[in-house]
PDB file of all heavy atoms in Angstrom:
ATOM      1  N   GLY A   1       4.416   2.773   7.195  1.00  0.00           N
ATOM      2  CA  GLY A   1       3.373   1.760   7.191  1.00  0.00           C
ATOM      3  C   GLY A   1       2.057   2.363   6.744  1.00  0.00           C
ATOM      4  O   GLY A   1       1.772   3.522   7.034  1.00  0.00           O
ATOM      5  N   ILE A   2       1.277   1.591   6.021  1.00  0.00           N
ATOM      6  CA  ILE A   2      -0.028   2.045   5.541  1.00  0.00           C
ATOM      7  C   ILE A   2      -1.082   1.099   6.092  1.00  0.00           C
ATOM      8  O   ILE A   2      -1.014  -0.113   5.900  1.00  0.00           O
ATOM      9  CB  ILE A   2      -0.081   2.074   3.999  1.00  0.00           C
ATOM     10  CG1 ILE A   2       0.961   3.061   3.458  1.00  0.00           C
ATOM     11  CG2 ILE A   2      -1.484   2.448   3.515  1.00  0.00           C
ATOM     12  CD1 ILE A   2       1.135   3.006   1.949  1.00  0.00           C
ATOM     13  N   ILE A   3      -2.046   1.679   6.813  1.00  0.00           N
ATOM     14  CA  ILE A   3      -3.133   0.902   7.399  1.00  0.00           C
ATOM     15  C   ILE A   3      -4.376   1.119   6.550  1.00  0.00           C
ATOM     16  O   ILE A   3      -4.857   2.241   6.408  1.00  0.00           O
ATOM     17  CB  ILE A   3      -3.414   1.341   8.857  1.00  0.00           C
ATOM     18  CG1 ILE A   3      -2.119   1.355   9.687  1.00  0.00           C
ATOM     19  CG2 ILE A   3      -4.482   0.448   9.485  1.00  0.00           C
ATOM     20  CD1 ILE A   3      -1.459   0.010   9.831  1.00  0.00           C
ATOM     21  N   GLY A   4      -4.905   0.032   5.978  1.00  0.00           N
ATOM     22  CA  GLY A   4      -6.049   0.169   5.079  1.00  0.00           C
ATOM     23  C   GLY A   4      -5.584   0.462   3.674  1.00  0.00           C
ATOM     24  O   GLY A   4      -5.967   1.463   3.072  1.00  0.00           O
ATOM     25  N   GLY A   5      -4.749  -0.412   3.141  1.00  0.00           N
ATOM     26  CA  GLY A   5      -4.079  -0.123   1.880  1.00  0.00           C
ATOM     27  C   GLY A   5      -4.828  -0.534   0.632  1.00  0.00           C
ATOM     28  O   GLY A   5      -4.330  -0.322  -0.473  1.00  0.00           O
ATOM     29  N   SER A   6      -6.024  -1.109   0.755  1.00  0.00           N
ATOM     30  CA  SER A   6      -6.700  -1.625  -0.434  1.00  0.00           C
ATOM     31  C   SER A   6      -7.671  -0.630  -1.057  1.00  0.00           C
ATOM     32  O   SER A   6      -8.193  -0.885  -2.143  1.00  0.00           O
ATOM     33  CB  SER A   6      -7.449  -2.921  -0.098  1.00  0.00           C
ATOM     34  OG  SER A   6      -8.461  -2.688   0.867  1.00  0.00           O
ATOM     35  N   GLY A   7      -7.913   0.507  -0.395  1.00  0.00           N
ATOM     36  CA  GLY A   7      -8.836   1.505  -0.922  1.00  0.00           C
ATOM     37  C   GLY A   7      -8.143   2.501  -1.833  1.00  0.00           C
ATOM     38  O   GLY A   7      -6.950   2.393  -2.139  1.00  0.00           O
ATOM     39  N   TYR A   8      -8.903   3.507  -2.266  1.00  0.00           N
ATOM     40  CA  TYR A   8      -8.362   4.499  -3.191  1.00  0.00           C
ATOM     41  C   TYR A   8      -7.227   5.310  -2.569  1.00  0.00           C
ATOM     42  O   TYR A   8      -6.176   5.496  -3.183  1.00  0.00           O
ATOM     43  CB  TYR A   8      -9.469   5.451  -3.642  1.00  0.00           C
ATOM     44  CG  TYR A   8     -10.507   4.824  -4.534  1.00  0.00           C
ATOM     45  CD1 TYR A   8     -11.866   5.060  -4.324  1.00  0.00           C
ATOM     46  CD2 TYR A   8     -10.157   4.005  -5.606  1.00  0.00           C
ATOM     47  CE1 TYR A   8     -12.836   4.500  -5.141  1.00  0.00           C
ATOM     48  CE2 TYR A   8     -11.118   3.434  -6.425  1.00  0.00           C
ATOM     49  CZ  TYR A   8     -12.459   3.687  -6.189  1.00  0.00           C
ATOM     50  OH  TYR A   8     -13.413   3.135  -7.003  1.00  0.00           O
ATOM     51  N   THR A   9      -7.420   5.813  -1.344  1.00  0.00           N
ATOM     52  CA  THR A   9      -6.369   6.638  -0.737  1.00  0.00           C
ATOM     53  C   THR A   9      -5.141   5.802  -0.417  1.00  0.00           C
ATOM     54  O   THR A   9      -4.009   6.263  -0.589  1.00  0.00           O
ATOM     55  CB  THR A   9      -6.877   7.345   0.533  1.00  0.00           C
ATOM     56  OG1 THR A   9      -7.390   6.367   1.455  1.00  0.00           O
ATOM     57  CG2 THR A   9      -7.974   8.343   0.205  1.00  0.00           C
ATOM     58  N   GLY A  10      -5.350   4.566   0.022  1.00  0.00           N
ATOM     59  CA  GLY A  10      -4.215   3.684   0.267  1.00  0.00           C
ATOM     60  C   GLY A  10      -3.443   3.405  -1.005  1.00  0.00           C
ATOM     61  O   GLY A  10      -2.215   3.419  -1.014  1.00  0.00           O
ATOM     62  N   GLY A  11      -4.145   3.157  -2.092  1.00  0.00           N
ATOM     63  CA  GLY A  11      -3.491   2.893  -3.365  1.00  0.00           C
ATOM     64  C   GLY A  11      -2.681   4.074  -3.855  1.00  0.00           C
ATOM     65  O   GLY A  11      -1.558   3.907  -4.363  1.00  0.00           O
ATOM     66  N   GLU A  12      -3.224   5.289  -3.711  1.00  0.00           N
ATOM     67  CA  GLU A  12      -2.485   6.471  -4.127  1.00  0.00           C
ATOM     68  C   GLU A  12      -1.271   6.710  -3.232  1.00  0.00           C
ATOM     69  O   GLU A  12      -0.213   7.132  -3.707  1.00  0.00           O
ATOM     70  CB  GLU A  12      -3.401   7.696  -4.129  1.00  0.00           C
ATOM     71  CG  GLU A  12      -4.420   7.701  -5.255  1.00  0.00           C
ATOM     72  CD  GLU A  12      -3.759   7.746  -6.626  1.00  0.00           C
ATOM     73  OE1 GLU A  12      -3.338   6.682  -7.122  1.00  0.00           O
ATOM     74  OE2 GLU A  12      -3.654   8.837  -7.209  1.00  0.00           O
ATOM     75  N   LEU A  13      -1.386   6.414  -1.949  1.00  0.00           N
ATOM     76  CA  LEU A  13      -0.231   6.532  -1.051  1.00  0.00           C
ATOM     77  C   LEU A  13       0.877   5.574  -1.465  1.00  0.00           C
ATOM     78  O   LEU A  13       2.058   5.948  -1.507  1.00  0.00           O
ATOM     79  CB  LEU A  13      -0.660   6.238   0.389  1.00  0.00           C
ATOM     80  CG  LEU A  13      -0.990   7.421   1.271  1.00  0.00           C
ATOM     81  CD1 LEU A  13      -1.520   6.946   2.618  1.00  0.00           C
ATOM     82  CD2 LEU A  13       0.220   8.317   1.471  1.00  0.00           C
ATOM     83  N   ILE A  14       0.498   4.330  -1.759  1.00  0.00           N
ATOM     84  CA  ILE A  14       1.497   3.355  -2.191  1.00  0.00           C
ATOM     85  C   ILE A  14       2.202   3.854  -3.446  1.00  0.00           C
ATOM     86  O   ILE A  14       3.437   3.817  -3.556  1.00  0.00           O
ATOM     87  CB  ILE A  14       0.842   1.986  -2.442  1.00  0.00           C
ATOM     88  CG1 ILE A  14       0.260   1.427  -1.150  1.00  0.00           C
ATOM     89  CG2 ILE A  14       1.863   1.003  -3.027  1.00  0.00           C
ATOM     90  CD1 ILE A  14      -0.675   0.244  -1.351  1.00  0.00           C
ATOM     91  N   ARG A  15       1.418   4.321  -4.418  1.00  0.00           N
ATOM     92  CA  ARG A  15       1.987   4.798  -5.683  1.00  0.00           C
ATOM     93  C   ARG A  15       2.981   5.935  -5.452  1.00  0.00           C
ATOM     94  O   ARG A  15       4.079   5.945  -6.030  1.00  0.00           O
ATOM     95  CB  ARG A  15       0.857   5.267  -6.608  1.00  0.00           C
ATOM     96  CG  ARG A  15       1.338   5.815  -7.945  1.00  0.00           C
ATOM     97  CD  ARG A  15       0.156   6.055  -8.881  1.00  0.00           C
ATOM     98  NE  ARG A  15      -0.653   7.195  -8.509  1.00  0.00           N
ATOM     99  CZ  ARG A  15      -0.512   8.418  -9.007  1.00  0.00           C
ATOM    100  NH1 ARG A  15       0.462   8.671  -9.874  1.00  0.00           N
ATOM    101  NH2 ARG A  15      -1.318   9.400  -8.659  1.00  0.00           N
ATOM    102  N   ILE A  16       2.625   6.887  -4.590  1.00  0.00           N
ATOM    103  CA  ILE A  16       3.507   8.030  -4.329  1.00  0.00           C
ATOM    104  C   ILE A  16       4.760   7.586  -3.576  1.00  0.00           C
ATOM    105  O   ILE A  16       5.887   7.938  -3.937  1.00  0.00           O
ATOM    106  CB  ILE A  16       2.773   9.115  -3.527  1.00  0.00           C
ATOM    107  CG1 ILE A  16       1.617   9.707  -4.348  1.00  0.00           C
ATOM    108  CG2 ILE A  16       3.729  10.235  -3.115  1.00  0.00           C
ATOM    109  CD1 ILE A  16       0.684  10.580  -3.535  1.00  0.00           C
ATOM    110  N   LEU A  17       4.564   6.794  -2.514  1.00  0.00           N
ATOM    111  CA  LEU A  17       5.690   6.447  -1.649  1.00  0.00           C
ATOM    112  C   LEU A  17       6.676   5.505  -2.328  1.00  0.00           C
ATOM    113  O   LEU A  17       7.874   5.516  -2.016  1.00  0.00           O
ATOM    114  CB  LEU A  17       5.172   5.838  -0.341  1.00  0.00           C
ATOM    115  CG  LEU A  17       4.376   6.789   0.557  1.00  0.00           C
ATOM    116  CD1 LEU A  17       3.912   6.064   1.821  1.00  0.00           C
ATOM    117  CD2 LEU A  17       5.188   8.032   0.920  1.00  0.00           C
ATOM    118  N   LEU A  18       6.207   4.682  -3.258  1.00  0.00           N
ATOM    119  CA  LEU A  18       7.138   3.827  -4.010  1.00  0.00           C
ATOM    120  C   LEU A  18       8.145   4.655  -4.798  1.00  0.00           C
ATOM    121  O   LEU A  18       9.252   4.195  -5.081  1.00  0.00           O
ATOM    122  CB  LEU A  18       6.356   2.916  -4.964  1.00  0.00           C
ATOM    123  CG  LEU A  18       5.676   1.696  -4.354  1.00  0.00           C
ATOM    124  CD1 LEU A  18       4.797   1.010  -5.391  1.00  0.00           C
ATOM    125  CD2 LEU A  18       6.700   0.715  -3.795  1.00  0.00           C
ATOM    126  N   ASN A  19       7.755   5.875  -5.144  1.00  0.00           N
ATOM    127  CA  ASN A  19       8.629   6.745  -5.936  1.00  0.00           C
ATOM    128  C   ASN A  19       9.221   7.887  -5.119  1.00  0.00           C
ATOM    129  O   ASN A  19       9.868   8.775  -5.685  1.00  0.00           O
ATOM    130  CB  ASN A  19       7.841   7.315  -7.120  1.00  0.00           C
ATOM    131  CG  ASN A  19       7.449   6.243  -8.124  1.00  0.00           C
ATOM    132  OD1 ASN A  19       8.276   5.744  -8.865  1.00  0.00           O
ATOM    133  ND2 ASN A  19       6.174   5.875  -8.119  1.00  0.00           N
ATOM    134  N   HIS A  20       9.029   7.838  -3.803  1.00  0.00           N
ATOM    135  CA  HIS A  20       9.573   8.882  -2.925  1.00  0.00           C
ATOM    136  C   HIS A  20      11.027   8.549  -2.589  1.00  0.00           C
ATOM    137  O   HIS A  20      11.314   7.451  -2.102  1.00  0.00           O
ATOM    138  CB  HIS A  20       8.732   8.969  -1.653  1.00  0.00           C
ATOM    139  CG  HIS A  20       8.971  10.200  -0.839  1.00  0.00           C
ATOM    140  ND1 HIS A  20      10.166  10.451  -0.188  1.00  0.00           N
ATOM    141  CD2 HIS A  20       8.159  11.263  -0.562  1.00  0.00           C
ATOM    142  CE1 HIS A  20      10.070  11.611   0.458  1.00  0.00           C
ATOM    143  NE2 HIS A  20       8.868  12.122   0.235  1.00  0.00           N
ATOM    144  N   PRO A  21      11.951   9.456  -2.834  1.00  0.00           N
ATOM    145  CA  PRO A  21      13.372   9.122  -2.658  1.00  0.00           C
ATOM    146  C   PRO A  21      13.805   8.936  -1.210  1.00  0.00           C
ATOM    147  O   PRO A  21      14.903   8.414  -0.967  1.00  0.00           O
ATOM    148  CB  PRO A  21      14.088  10.332  -3.278  1.00  0.00           C
ATOM    149  CG  PRO A  21      13.121  11.469  -3.147  1.00  0.00           C
ATOM    150  CD  PRO A  21      11.767  10.851  -3.331  1.00  0.00           C
ATOM    151  N   GLU A  22      12.973   9.334  -0.250  1.00  0.00           N
ATOM    152  CA  GLU A  22      13.373   9.256   1.152  1.00  0.00           C
ATOM    153  C   GLU A  22      12.566   8.237   1.946  1.00  0.00           C
ATOM    154  O   GLU A  22      12.648   8.206   3.179  1.00  0.00           O
ATOM    155  CB  GLU A  22      13.234  10.638   1.812  1.00  0.00           C
ATOM    156  CG  GLU A  22      13.993  11.764   1.123  1.00  0.00           C
ATOM    157  CD  GLU A  22      15.499  11.577   1.182  1.00  0.00           C
ATOM    158  OE1 GLU A  22      15.977  10.785   2.010  1.00  0.00           O
ATOM    159  OE2 GLU A  22      16.204  12.223   0.373  1.00  0.00           O
ATOM    160  N   VAL A  23      11.746   7.425   1.262  1.00  0.00           N
ATOM    161  CA  VAL A  23      10.825   6.521   1.953  1.00  0.00           C
ATOM    162  C   VAL A  23      10.970   5.102   1.435  1.00  0.00           C
ATOM    163  O   VAL A  23      11.144   4.876   0.237  1.00  0.00           O
ATOM    164  CB  VAL A  23       9.362   6.990   1.776  1.00  0.00           C
ATOM    165  CG1 VAL A  23       8.384   5.967   2.373  1.00  0.00           C
ATOM    166  CG2 VAL A  23       9.145   8.354   2.416  1.00  0.00           C
ATOM    167  N   THR A  24      10.880   4.143   2.341  1.00  0.00           N
ATOM    168  CA  THR A  24      10.675   2.751   1.980  1.00  0.00           C
ATOM    169  C   THR A  24       9.393   2.282   2.668  1.00  0.00           C
ATOM    170  O   THR A  24       9.159   2.609   3.844  1.00  0.00           O
ATOM    171  CB  THR A  24      11.874   1.870   2.388  1.00  0.00           C
ATOM    172  OG1 THR A  24      11.623   0.525   1.996  1.00  0.00           O
ATOM    173  CG2 THR A  24      12.110   1.902   3.890  1.00  0.00           C
ATOM    174  N   ILE A  25       8.546   1.582   1.942  1.00  0.00           N
ATOM    175  CA  ILE A  25       7.292   1.093   2.526  1.00  0.00           C
ATOM    176  C   ILE A  25       7.584  -0.170   3.315  1.00  0.00           C
ATOM    177  O   ILE A  25       8.027  -1.183   2.764  1.00  0.00           O
ATOM    178  CB  ILE A  25       6.232   0.833   1.437  1.00  0.00           C
ATOM    179  CG1 ILE A  25       5.917   2.117   0.670  1.00  0.00           C
ATOM    180  CG2 ILE A  25       4.955   0.274   2.073  1.00  0.00           C
ATOM    181  CD1 ILE A  25       4.916   1.933  -0.463  1.00  0.00           C
ATOM    182  N   ASP A  26       7.358  -0.109   4.623  1.00  0.00           N
ATOM    183  CA  ASP A  26       7.654  -1.215   5.525  1.00  0.00           C
ATOM    184  C   ASP A  26       6.550  -2.271   5.478  1.00  0.00           C
ATOM    185  O   ASP A  26       6.832  -3.474   5.482  1.00  0.00           O
ATOM    186  CB  ASP A  26       7.815  -0.682   6.952  1.00  0.00           C
ATOM    187  CG  ASP A  26       8.342  -1.725   7.899  1.00  0.00           C
ATOM    188  OD1 ASP A  26       9.334  -2.382   7.558  1.00  0.00           O
ATOM    189  OD2 ASP A  26       7.749  -1.906   8.986  1.00  0.00           O
ATOM    190  N   PHE A  27       5.300  -1.832   5.432  1.00  0.00           N
ATOM    191  CA  PHE A  27       4.181  -2.775   5.360  1.00  0.00           C
ATOM    192  C   PHE A  27       2.941  -2.049   4.875  1.00  0.00           C
ATOM    193  O   PHE A  27       2.801  -0.834   5.024  1.00  0.00           O
ATOM    194  CB  PHE A  27       3.908  -3.431   6.724  1.00  0.00           C
ATOM    195  CG  PHE A  27       3.423  -2.464   7.785  1.00  0.00           C
ATOM    196  CD1 PHE A  27       2.068  -2.224   7.966  1.00  0.00           C
ATOM    197  CD2 PHE A  27       4.322  -1.798   8.605  1.00  0.00           C
ATOM    198  CE1 PHE A  27       1.622  -1.341   8.943  1.00  0.00           C
ATOM    199  CE2 PHE A  27       3.888  -0.912   9.580  1.00  0.00           C
ATOM    200  CZ  PHE A  27       2.533  -0.684   9.748  1.00  0.00           C
ATOM    201  N   VAL A  28       2.042  -2.828   4.253  1.00  0.00           N
ATOM    202  CA  VAL A  28       0.723  -2.344   3.855  1.00  0.00           C
ATOM    203  C   VAL A  28      -0.293  -3.281   4.487  1.00  0.00           C
ATOM    204  O   VAL A  28      -0.430  -4.436   4.077  1.00  0.00           O
ATOM    205  CB  VAL A  28       0.549  -2.303   2.326  1.00  0.00           C
ATOM    206  CG1 VAL A  28      -0.827  -1.741   1.973  1.00  0.00           C
ATOM    207  CG2 VAL A  28       1.645  -1.465   1.676  1.00  0.00           C
ATOM    208  N   PHE A  29      -0.988  -2.788   5.482  1.00  0.00           N
ATOM    209  CA  PHE A  29      -1.900  -3.603   6.290  1.00  0.00           C
ATOM    210  C   PHE A  29      -3.293  -3.620   5.678  1.00  0.00           C
ATOM    211  O   PHE A  29      -3.828  -2.587   5.280  1.00  0.00           O
ATOM    212  CB  PHE A  29      -1.966  -3.034   7.710  1.00  0.00           C
ATOM    213  CG  PHE A  29      -2.941  -3.730   8.621  1.00  0.00           C
ATOM    214  CD1 PHE A  29      -2.544  -4.837   9.347  1.00  0.00           C
ATOM    215  CD2 PHE A  29      -4.247  -3.279   8.742  1.00  0.00           C
ATOM    216  CE1 PHE A  29      -3.438  -5.474  10.201  1.00  0.00           C
ATOM    217  CE2 PHE A  29      -5.142  -3.910   9.584  1.00  0.00           C
ATOM    218  CZ  PHE A  29      -4.739  -5.019  10.317  1.00  0.00           C
ATOM    219  N   SER A  30      -3.878  -4.816   5.603  1.00  0.00           N
ATOM    220  CA  SER A  30      -5.262  -4.947   5.153  1.00  0.00           C
ATOM    221  C   SER A  30      -5.879  -6.165   5.813  1.00  0.00           C
ATOM    222  O   SER A  30      -5.283  -7.254   5.791  1.00  0.00           O
ATOM    223  CB  SER A  30      -5.331  -5.087   3.630  1.00  0.00           C
ATOM    224  OG  SER A  30      -6.649  -5.369   3.206  1.00  0.00           O
ATOM    225  N   THR A  31      -7.037  -6.000   6.404  1.00  0.00           N
ATOM    226  CA  THR A  31      -7.707  -7.142   7.037  1.00  0.00           C
ATOM    227  C   THR A  31      -8.372  -8.038   5.999  1.00  0.00           C
ATOM    228  O   THR A  31      -8.558  -9.231   6.232  1.00  0.00           O
ATOM    229  CB  THR A  31      -8.772  -6.654   8.027  1.00  0.00           C
ATOM    230  OG1 THR A  31      -9.693  -5.792   7.349  1.00  0.00           O
ATOM    231  CG2 THR A  31      -8.142  -5.905   9.190  1.00  0.00           C
ATOM    232  N   THR A  32      -8.726  -7.501   4.857  1.00  0.00           N
ATOM    233  CA  THR A  32      -9.469  -8.260   3.857  1.00  0.00           C
ATOM    234  C   THR A  32      -8.574  -8.904   2.800  1.00  0.00           C
ATOM    235  O   THR A  32      -9.007  -9.813   2.106  1.00  0.00           O
ATOM    236  CB  THR A  32     -10.497  -7.352   3.142  1.00  0.00           C
ATOM    237  OG1 THR A  32      -9.802  -6.264   2.506  1.00  0.00           O
ATOM    238  CG2 THR A  32     -11.502  -6.793   4.139  1.00  0.00           C
ATOM    239  N   ARG A  33      -7.318  -8.438   2.650  1.00  0.00           N
ATOM    240  CA  ARG A  33      -6.458  -8.939   1.569  1.00  0.00           C
ATOM    241  C   ARG A  33      -5.097  -9.425   2.057  1.00  0.00           C
ATOM    242  O   ARG A  33      -4.168  -9.548   1.255  1.00  0.00           O
ATOM    243  CB  ARG A  33      -6.264  -7.847   0.518  1.00  0.00           C
ATOM    244  CG  ARG A  33      -7.527  -7.536  -0.280  1.00  0.00           C
ATOM    245  CD  ARG A  33      -7.276  -6.465  -1.313  1.00  0.00           C
ATOM    246  NE  ARG A  33      -8.416  -6.243  -2.160  1.00  0.00           N
ATOM    247  CZ  ARG A  33      -8.646  -6.852  -3.327  1.00  0.00           C
ATOM    248  NH1 ARG A  33      -7.789  -7.737  -3.779  1.00  0.00           N
ATOM    249  NH2 ARG A  33      -9.717  -6.573  -4.043  1.00  0.00           N
ATOM    250  N   ALA A  34      -4.955  -9.693   3.328  1.00  0.00           N
ATOM    251  CA  ALA A  34      -3.661 -10.138   3.852  1.00  0.00           C
ATOM    252  C   ALA A  34      -3.149 -11.349   3.081  1.00  0.00           C
ATOM    253  O   ALA A  34      -3.882 -12.321   2.851  1.00  0.00           O
ATOM    254  CB  ALA A  34      -3.790 -10.460   5.339  1.00  0.00           C
ATOM    255  N   GLY A  35      -1.875 -11.284   2.658  1.00  0.00           N
ATOM    256  CA  GLY A  35      -1.251 -12.354   1.905  1.00  0.00           C
ATOM    257  C   GLY A  35      -1.370 -12.214   0.406  1.00  0.00           C
ATOM    258  O   GLY A  35      -0.646 -12.875  -0.338  1.00  0.00           O
ATOM    259  N   LYS A  36      -2.259 -11.364  -0.066  1.00  0.00           N
ATOM    260  CA  LYS A  36      -2.433 -11.160  -1.502  1.00  0.00           C
ATOM    261  C   LYS A  36      -1.512 -10.053  -2.002  1.00  0.00           C
ATOM    262  O   LYS A  36      -1.078  -9.190  -1.244  1.00  0.00           O
ATOM    263  CB  LYS A  36      -3.892 -10.800  -1.812  1.00  0.00           C
ATOM    264  CG  LYS A  36      -4.883 -11.900  -1.472  1.00  0.00           C
ATOM    265  CD  LYS A  36      -6.298 -11.482  -1.828  1.00  0.00           C
ATOM    266  CE  LYS A  36      -7.293 -12.594  -1.500  1.00  0.00           C
ATOM    267  NZ  LYS A  36      -8.681 -12.189  -1.820  1.00  0.00           N
ATOM    268  N   LYS A  37      -1.219 -10.076  -3.294  1.00  0.00           N
ATOM    269  CA  LYS A  37      -0.391  -9.055  -3.898  1.00  0.00           C
ATOM    270  C   LYS A  37      -1.076  -7.683  -3.810  1.00  0.00           C
ATOM    271  O   LYS A  37      -2.298  -7.580  -3.981  1.00  0.00           O
ATOM    272  CB  LYS A  37      -0.122  -9.365  -5.369  1.00  0.00           C
ATOM    273  CG  LYS A  37       0.736 -10.600  -5.617  1.00  0.00           C
ATOM    274  CD  LYS A  37       2.190 -10.345  -5.250  1.00  0.00           C
ATOM    275  CE  LYS A  37       3.078 -11.504  -5.648  1.00  0.00           C
ATOM    276  NZ  LYS A  37       4.486 -11.284  -5.201  1.00  0.00           N
ATOM    277  N   VAL A  38      -0.278  -6.654  -3.562  1.00  0.00           N
ATOM    278  CA  VAL A  38      -0.807  -5.292  -3.576  1.00  0.00           C
ATOM    279  C   VAL A  38      -1.419  -4.983  -4.938  1.00  0.00           C
ATOM    280  O   VAL A  38      -2.457  -4.317  -5.045  1.00  0.00           O
ATOM    281  CB  VAL A  38       0.310  -4.283  -3.222  1.00  0.00           C
ATOM    282  CG1 VAL A  38      -0.101  -2.860  -3.585  1.00  0.00           C
ATOM    283  CG2 VAL A  38       0.660  -4.376  -1.741  1.00  0.00           C
ATOM    284  N   SER A  39      -0.818  -5.513  -5.986  1.00  0.00           N
ATOM    285  CA  SER A  39      -1.325  -5.256  -7.336  1.00  0.00           C
ATOM    286  C   SER A  39      -2.667  -5.940  -7.602  1.00  0.00           C
ATOM    287  O   SER A  39      -3.323  -5.634  -8.594  1.00  0.00           O
ATOM    288  CB  SER A  39      -0.300  -5.693  -8.376  1.00  0.00           C
ATOM    289  OG  SER A  39       0.015  -7.071  -8.239  1.00  0.00           O
ATOM    290  N   SER A  40      -3.097  -6.850  -6.718  1.00  0.00           N
ATOM    291  CA  SER A  40      -4.416  -7.466  -6.898  1.00  0.00           C
ATOM    292  C   SER A  40      -5.518  -6.455  -6.631  1.00  0.00           C
ATOM    293  O   SER A  40      -6.607  -6.555  -7.211  1.00  0.00           O
ATOM    294  CB  SER A  40      -4.576  -8.675  -5.973  1.00  0.00           C
ATOM    295  OG  SER A  40      -4.667  -8.275  -4.599  1.00  0.00           O
ATOM    296  N   ALA A  41      -5.248  -5.480  -5.758  1.00  0.00           N
ATOM    297  CA  ALA A  41      -6.208  -4.408  -5.499  1.00  0.00           C
ATOM    298  C   ALA A  41      -5.919  -3.179  -6.330  1.00  0.00           C
ATOM    299  O   ALA A  41      -6.828  -2.419  -6.652  1.00  0.00           O
ATOM    300  CB  ALA A  41      -6.180  -4.030  -4.012  1.00  0.00           C
ATOM    301  N   HIS A  42      -4.651  -2.997  -6.700  1.00  0.00           N
ATOM    302  CA  HIS A  42      -4.226  -1.823  -7.456  1.00  0.00           C
ATOM    303  C   HIS A  42      -3.481  -2.279  -8.709  1.00  0.00           C
ATOM    304  O   HIS A  42      -2.250  -2.316  -8.742  1.00  0.00           O
ATOM    305  CB  HIS A  42      -3.330  -0.934  -6.583  1.00  0.00           C
ATOM    306  CG  HIS A  42      -3.939  -0.589  -5.262  1.00  0.00           C
ATOM    307  ND1 HIS A  42      -5.085   0.168  -5.151  1.00  0.00           N
ATOM    308  CD2 HIS A  42      -3.577  -0.922  -3.988  1.00  0.00           C
ATOM    309  CE1 HIS A  42      -5.401   0.303  -3.871  1.00  0.00           C
ATOM    310  NE2 HIS A  42      -4.498  -0.350  -3.147  1.00  0.00           N
TER     311      HIS A  42
END
């Protein structure tokens, strides 16, 4: 899980973990963008 996923560090974490062979991203939490596509911020 990623808390605060709309910033620079959150975006880089998403990018890395999407390509990590041992990880699945369960959720990306954001208070300001809930319901919006992750790609809207990244």
